[in-house]
Amino acid sequence: MYVDNENIKQRAKRAVWLGNDETHYVRTWIDKDIKDLKLLIKLTVGWIEHAIITELLIADMQKQ
């Protein structure tokens, strides 16, 4: 599934940034930690769930 929702892409991008910070000796995002990464992942998953549910409901409930 291709994601074209800008909100999902922006949150996922930042989750990748923080995830990369956890693998390097020198951190880019000094004021962020694993809690922030978990929050970004939670937000991203939430947006994806909402997008999928909305798509399913729209397809299922066409005007008759």
PDB file of N, CA and C in Angstrom:
ATOM      1  N   MET A   1       0.845  -1.180   0.000  1.00  0.00           N
ATOM      2  CA  MET A   1       0.000   0.000   0.000  1.00  0.00           C
ATOM      3  C   MET A   1       0.890   1.243   0.000  1.00  0.00           C
ATOM      4  N   TYR A   2       0.677   2.111  -0.940  1.00  0.00           N
ATOM      5  CA  TYR A   2       1.418   3.374  -1.033  1.00  0.00           C
ATOM      6  C   TYR A   2       0.759   4.395  -0.108  1.00  0.00           C
ATOM      7  N   VAL A   3       1.570   5.052   0.699  1.00  0.00           N
ATOM      8  CA  VAL A   3       1.047   6.054   1.639  1.00  0.00           C
ATOM      9  C   VAL A   3       1.213   7.432   1.032  1.00  0.00           C
ATOM     10  N   ASP A   4       0.091   8.124   0.832  1.00  0.00           N
ATOM     11  CA  ASP A   4       0.168   9.479   0.299  1.00  0.00           C
ATOM     12  C   ASP A   4      -0.295  10.519   1.311  1.00  0.00           C
ATOM     13  N   ASN A   5      -0.648  10.070   2.518  1.00  0.00           N
ATOM     14  CA  ASN A   5      -1.085  10.984   3.569  1.00  0.00           C
ATOM     15  C   ASN A   5       0.140  11.670   4.178  1.00  0.00           C
ATOM     16  N   GLU A   6       0.188  12.978   4.061  1.00  0.00           N
ATOM     17  CA  GLU A   6       1.354  13.735   4.518  1.00  0.00           C
ATOM     18  C   GLU A   6       1.567  13.601   6.034  1.00  0.00           C
ATOM     19  N   ASN A   7       0.488  13.532   6.812  1.00  0.00           N
ATOM     20  CA  ASN A   7       0.630  13.373   8.260  1.00  0.00           C
ATOM     21  C   ASN A   7       1.333  12.063   8.610  1.00  0.00           C
ATOM     22  N   ILE A   8       0.951  10.984   7.951  1.00  0.00           N
ATOM     23  CA  ILE A   8       1.581   9.685   8.199  1.00  0.00           C
ATOM     24  C   ILE A   8       3.054   9.736   7.814  1.00  0.00           C
ATOM     25  N   LYS A   9       3.337  10.298   6.645  1.00  0.00           N
ATOM     26  CA  LYS A   9       4.725  10.354   6.174  1.00  0.00           C
ATOM     27  C   LYS A   9       5.621  11.168   7.107  1.00  0.00           C
ATOM     28  N   GLN A  10       5.112  12.306   7.585  1.00  0.00           N
ATOM     29  CA  GLN A  10       5.926  13.164   8.456  1.00  0.00           C
ATOM     30  C   GLN A  10       6.215  12.494   9.798  1.00  0.00           C
ATOM     31  N   ARG A  11       5.220  11.828  10.375  1.00  0.00           N
ATOM     32  CA  ARG A  11       5.433  11.139  11.649  1.00  0.00           C
ATOM     33  C   ARG A  11       6.379   9.957  11.484  1.00  0.00           C
ATOM     34  N   ALA A  12       6.191   9.201  10.424  1.00  0.00           N
ATOM     35  CA  ALA A  12       7.054   8.049  10.171  1.00  0.00           C
ATOM     36  C   ALA A  12       8.500   8.489   9.930  1.00  0.00           C
ATOM     37  N   LYS A  13       8.670   9.580   9.214  1.00  0.00           N
ATOM     38  CA  LYS A  13      10.020  10.094   8.948  1.00  0.00           C
ATOM     39  C   LYS A  13      10.735  10.427  10.252  1.00  0.00           C
ATOM     40  N   ARG A  14      10.023  11.059  11.167  1.00  0.00           N
ATOM     41  CA  ARG A  14      10.638  11.434  12.438  1.00  0.00           C
ATOM     42  C   ARG A  14      10.907  10.220  13.315  1.00  0.00           C
ATOM     43  N   ALA A  15      10.065   9.213  13.215  1.00  0.00           N
ATOM     44  CA  ALA A  15      10.326   7.964  13.937  1.00  0.00           C
ATOM     45  C   ALA A  15      11.613   7.322  13.425  1.00  0.00           C
ATOM     46  N   VAL A  16      11.830   7.374  12.120  1.00  0.00           N
ATOM     47  CA  VAL A  16      13.067   6.847  11.543  1.00  0.00           C
ATOM     48  C   VAL A  16      14.270   7.633  12.067  1.00  0.00           C
ATOM     49  N   TRP A  17      14.154   8.956  12.122  1.00  0.00           N
ATOM     50  CA  TRP A  17      15.257   9.781  12.627  1.00  0.00           C
ATOM     51  C   TRP A  17      15.625   9.371  14.054  1.00  0.00           C
ATOM     52  N   LEU A  18      14.612   9.248  14.918  1.00  0.00           N
ATOM     53  CA  LEU A  18      14.896   8.889  16.308  1.00  0.00           C
ATOM     54  C   LEU A  18      15.409   7.458  16.417  1.00  0.00           C
ATOM     55  N   GLY A  19      14.880   6.562  15.588  1.00  0.00           N
ATOM     56  CA  GLY A  19      15.378   5.187  15.585  1.00  0.00           C
ATOM     57  C   GLY A  19      16.835   5.129  15.174  1.00  0.00           C
ATOM     58  N   ASN A  20      17.214   5.926  14.195  1.00  0.00           N
ATOM     59  CA  ASN A  20      18.619   5.988  13.777  1.00  0.00           C
ATOM     60  C   ASN A  20      19.498   6.544  14.886  1.00  0.00           C
ATOM     61  N   ASP A  21      18.985   7.500  15.639  1.00  0.00           N
ATOM     62  CA  ASP A  21      19.754   8.065  16.751  1.00  0.00           C
ATOM     63  C   ASP A  21      20.096   6.992  17.780  1.00  0.00           C
ATOM     64  N   GLU A  22      19.225   6.016  17.961  1.00  0.00           N
ATOM     65  CA  GLU A  22      19.461   4.955  18.943  1.00  0.00           C
ATOM     66  C   GLU A  22      20.577   4.010  18.509  1.00  0.00           C
ATOM     67  N   THR A  23      20.962   4.052  17.238  1.00  0.00           N
ATOM     68  CA  THR A  23      21.989   3.135  16.744  1.00  0.00           C
ATOM     69  C   THR A  23      23.357   3.785  16.585  1.00  0.00           C
ATOM     70  N   HIS A  24      23.462   5.083  16.819  1.00  0.00           N
ATOM     71  CA  HIS A  24      24.726   5.791  16.630  1.00  0.00           C
ATOM     72  C   HIS A  24      25.287   6.286  17.967  1.00  0.00           C
ATOM     73  N   TYR A  25      26.593   6.463  17.994  1.00  0.00           N
ATOM     74  CA  TYR A  25      27.256   6.964  19.195  1.00  0.00           C
ATOM     75  C   TYR A  25      26.961   8.445  19.417  1.00  0.00           C
ATOM     76  N   VAL A  26      26.917   9.199  18.343  1.00  0.00           N
ATOM     77  CA  VAL A  26      26.654  10.633  18.433  1.00  0.00           C
ATOM     78  C   VAL A  26      25.197  10.868  18.041  1.00  0.00           C
ATOM     79  N   ARG A  27      24.445  11.454  18.962  1.00  0.00           N
ATOM     80  CA  ARG A  27      23.019  11.667  18.745  1.00  0.00           C
ATOM     81  C   ARG A  27      22.770  13.010  18.058  1.00  0.00           C
ATOM     82  N   THR A  28      21.811  13.022  17.147  1.00  0.00           N
ATOM     83  CA  THR A  28      21.375  14.248  16.490  1.00  0.00           C
ATOM     84  C   THR A  28      20.286  14.922  17.314  1.00  0.00           C
ATOM     85  N   TRP A  29      19.372  14.131  17.850  1.00  0.00           N
ATOM     86  CA  TRP A  29      18.214  14.622  18.596  1.00  0.00           C
ATOM     87  C   TRP A  29      18.473  14.407  20.091  1.00  0.00           C
ATOM     88  N   ILE A  30      19.296  15.266  20.672  1.00  0.00           N
ATOM     89  CA  ILE A  30      19.751  15.121  22.052  1.00  0.00           C
ATOM     90  C   ILE A  30      18.599  15.179  23.058  1.00  0.00           C
ATOM     91  N   ASP A  31      17.604  15.996  22.805  1.00  0.00           N
ATOM     92  CA  ASP A  31      16.506  16.173  23.762  1.00  0.00           C
ATOM     93  C   ASP A  31      15.377  15.157  23.564  1.00  0.00           C
ATOM     94  N   LYS A  32      15.553  14.164  22.699  1.00  0.00           N
ATOM     95  CA  LYS A  32      14.543  13.129  22.447  1.00  0.00           C
ATOM     96  C   LYS A  32      15.082  11.778  22.888  1.00  0.00           C
ATOM     97  N   ASP A  33      14.166  10.890  23.288  1.00  0.00           N
ATOM     98  CA  ASP A  33      14.606   9.566  23.713  1.00  0.00           C
ATOM     99  C   ASP A  33      13.620   8.503  23.224  1.00  0.00           C
ATOM    100  N   ILE A  34      13.732   7.306  23.771  1.00  0.00           N
ATOM    101  CA  ILE A  34      12.924   6.185  23.328  1.00  0.00           C
ATOM    102  C   ILE A  34      11.428   6.442  23.554  1.00  0.00           C
ATOM    103  N   LYS A  35      11.092   7.222  24.573  1.00  0.00           N
ATOM    104  CA  LYS A  35       9.685   7.557  24.815  1.00  0.00           C
ATOM    105  C   LYS A  35       9.110   8.343  23.637  1.00  0.00           C
ATOM    106  N   ASP A  36       9.905   9.264  23.110  1.00  0.00           N
ATOM    107  CA  ASP A  36       9.469  10.041  21.943  1.00  0.00           C
ATOM    108  C   ASP A  36       9.321   9.140  20.717  1.00  0.00           C
ATOM    109  N   LEU A  37      10.240   8.197  20.561  1.00  0.00           N
ATOM    110  CA  LEU A  37      10.165   7.260  19.445  1.00  0.00           C
ATOM    111  C   LEU A  37       8.888   6.425  19.540  1.00  0.00           C
ATOM    112  N   LYS A  38       8.585   5.921  20.737  1.00  0.00           N
ATOM    113  CA  LYS A  38       7.363   5.137  20.933  1.00  0.00           C
ATOM    114  C   LYS A  38       6.122   5.968  20.627  1.00  0.00           C
ATOM    115  N   LEU A  39       6.120   7.217  21.035  1.00  0.00           N
ATOM    116  CA  LEU A  39       4.987   8.093  20.769  1.00  0.00           C
ATOM    117  C   LEU A  39       4.799   8.313  19.266  1.00  0.00           C
ATOM    118  N   LEU A  40       5.895   8.560  18.550  1.00  0.00           N
ATOM    119  CA  LEU A  40       5.812   8.753  17.103  1.00  0.00           C
ATOM    120  C   LEU A  40       5.298   7.498  16.404  1.00  0.00           C
ATOM    121  N   ILE A  41       5.755   6.335  16.858  1.00  0.00           N
ATOM    122  CA  ILE A  41       5.276   5.086  16.267  1.00  0.00           C
ATOM    123  C   ILE A  41       3.790   4.918  16.544  1.00  0.00           C
ATOM    124  N   LYS A  42       3.369   5.197  17.780  1.00  0.00           N
ATOM    125  CA  LYS A  42       1.958   5.096  18.148  1.00  0.00           C
ATOM    126  C   LYS A  42       1.100   6.038  17.294  1.00  0.00           C
ATOM    127  N   LEU A  43       1.559   7.275  17.115  1.00  0.00           N
ATOM    128  CA  LEU A  43       0.835   8.236  16.287  1.00  0.00           C
ATOM    129  C   LEU A  43       0.744   7.774  14.836  1.00  0.00           C
ATOM    130  N   THR A  44       1.839   7.254  14.311  1.00  0.00           N
ATOM    131  CA  THR A  44       1.872   6.789  12.922  1.00  0.00           C
ATOM    132  C   THR A  44       0.901   5.634  12.724  1.00  0.00           C
ATOM    133  N   VAL A  45       0.935   4.656  13.630  1.00  0.00           N
ATOM    134  CA  VAL A  45       0.033   3.514  13.534  1.00  0.00           C
ATOM    135  C   VAL A  45      -1.424   3.982  13.641  1.00  0.00           C
ATOM    136  N   GLY A  46      -1.696   4.924  14.542  1.00  0.00           N
ATOM    137  CA  GLY A  46      -3.042   5.458  14.690  1.00  0.00           C
ATOM    138  C   GLY A  46      -3.550   6.097  13.409  1.00  0.00           C
ATOM    139  N   TRP A  47      -2.708   6.903  12.770  1.00  0.00           N
ATOM    140  CA  TRP A  47      -3.102   7.551  11.521  1.00  0.00           C
ATOM    141  C   TRP A  47      -3.371   6.514  10.433  1.00  0.00           C
ATOM    142  N   ILE A  48      -2.535   5.480  10.368  1.00  0.00           N
ATOM    143  CA  ILE A  48      -2.728   4.433   9.362  1.00  0.00           C
ATOM    144  C   ILE A  48      -4.043   3.698   9.622  1.00  0.00           C
ATOM    145  N   GLU A  49      -4.292   3.360  10.885  1.00  0.00           N
ATOM    146  CA  GLU A  49      -5.549   2.688  11.228  1.00  0.00           C
ATOM    147  C   GLU A  49      -6.751   3.535  10.839  1.00  0.00           C
ATOM    148  N   HIS A  50      -6.709   4.813  11.167  1.00  0.00           N
ATOM    149  CA  HIS A  50      -7.817   5.704  10.818  1.00  0.00           C
ATOM    150  C   HIS A  50      -8.018   5.788   9.312  1.00  0.00           C
ATOM    151  N   ALA A  51      -6.931   5.880   8.579  1.00  0.00           N
ATOM    152  CA  ALA A  51      -7.021   5.975   7.122  1.00  0.00           C
ATOM    153  C   ALA A  51      -7.641   4.706   6.532  1.00  0.00           C
ATOM    154  N   ILE A  52      -7.230   3.548   7.019  1.00  0.00           N
ATOM    155  CA  ILE A  52      -7.756   2.282   6.512  1.00  0.00           C
ATOM    156  C   ILE A  52      -9.233   2.127   6.865  1.00  0.00           C
ATOM    157  N   ILE A  53      -9.581   2.409   8.116  1.00  0.00           N
ATOM    158  CA  ILE A  53     -10.978   2.286   8.538  1.00  0.00           C
ATOM    159  C   ILE A  53     -11.865   3.244   7.751  1.00  0.00           C
ATOM    160  N   THR A  54     -11.407   4.459   7.552  1.00  0.00           N
ATOM    161  CA  THR A  54     -12.173   5.439   6.776  1.00  0.00           C
ATOM    162  C   THR A  54     -12.377   4.950   5.356  1.00  0.00           C
ATOM    163  N   GLU A  55     -11.322   4.443   4.747  1.00  0.00           N
ATOM    164  CA  GLU A  55     -11.407   3.929   3.385  1.00  0.00           C
ATOM    165  C   GLU A  55     -12.419   2.782   3.294  1.00  0.00           C
ATOM    166  N   LEU A  56     -12.375   1.866   4.253  1.00  0.00           N
ATOM    167  CA  LEU A  56     -13.304   0.733   4.265  1.00  0.00           C
ATOM    168  C   LEU A  56     -14.749   1.181   4.440  1.00  0.00           C
ATOM    169  N   LEU A  57     -14.966   2.120   5.355  1.00  0.00           N
ATOM    170  CA  LEU A  57     -16.320   2.605   5.590  1.00  0.00           C
ATOM    171  C   LEU A  57     -16.882   3.348   4.383  1.00  0.00           C
ATOM    172  N   ILE A  58     -16.069   4.155   3.747  1.00  0.00           N
ATOM    173  CA  ILE A  58     -16.515   4.877   2.553  1.00  0.00           C
ATOM    174  C   ILE A  58     -16.886   3.896   1.451  1.00  0.00           C
ATOM    175  N   ALA A  59     -16.036   2.873   1.265  1.00  0.00           N
ATOM    176  CA  ALA A  59     -16.322   1.872   0.235  1.00  0.00           C
ATOM    177  C   ALA A  59     -17.573   1.068   0.564  1.00  0.00           C
ATOM    178  N   ASP A  60     -17.773   0.779   1.838  1.00  0.00           N
ATOM    179  CA  ASP A  60     -18.903  -0.049   2.278  1.00  0.00           C
ATOM    180  C   ASP A  60     -20.214   0.710   2.301  1.00  0.00           C
ATOM    181  N   MET A  61     -20.152   2.019   2.488  1.00  0.00           N
ATOM    182  CA  MET A  61     -21.382   2.794   2.670  1.00  0.00           C
ATOM    183  C   MET A  61     -21.580   3.801   1.539  1.00  0.00           C
ATOM    184  N   GLN A  62     -21.700   3.282   0.346  1.00  0.00           N
ATOM    185  CA  GLN A  62     -21.971   4.130  -0.807  1.00  0.00           C
ATOM    186  C   GLN A  62     -23.433   4.558  -0.792  1.00  0.00           C
ATOM    187  N   LYS A  63     -23.714   5.749  -1.267  1.00  0.00           N
ATOM    188  CA  LYS A  63     -25.091   6.257  -1.313  1.00  0.00           C
ATOM    189  C   LYS A  63     -25.921   5.372  -2.239  1.00  0.00           C
ATOM    190  N   GLN A  64     -27.108   5.034  -1.760  1.00  0.00           N
ATOM    191  CA  GLN A  64     -27.953   4.115  -2.550  1.00  0.00           C
ATOM    192  C   GLN A  64     -29.025   4.849  -3.286  1.00  0.00           C
TER     193      GLN A  64
END
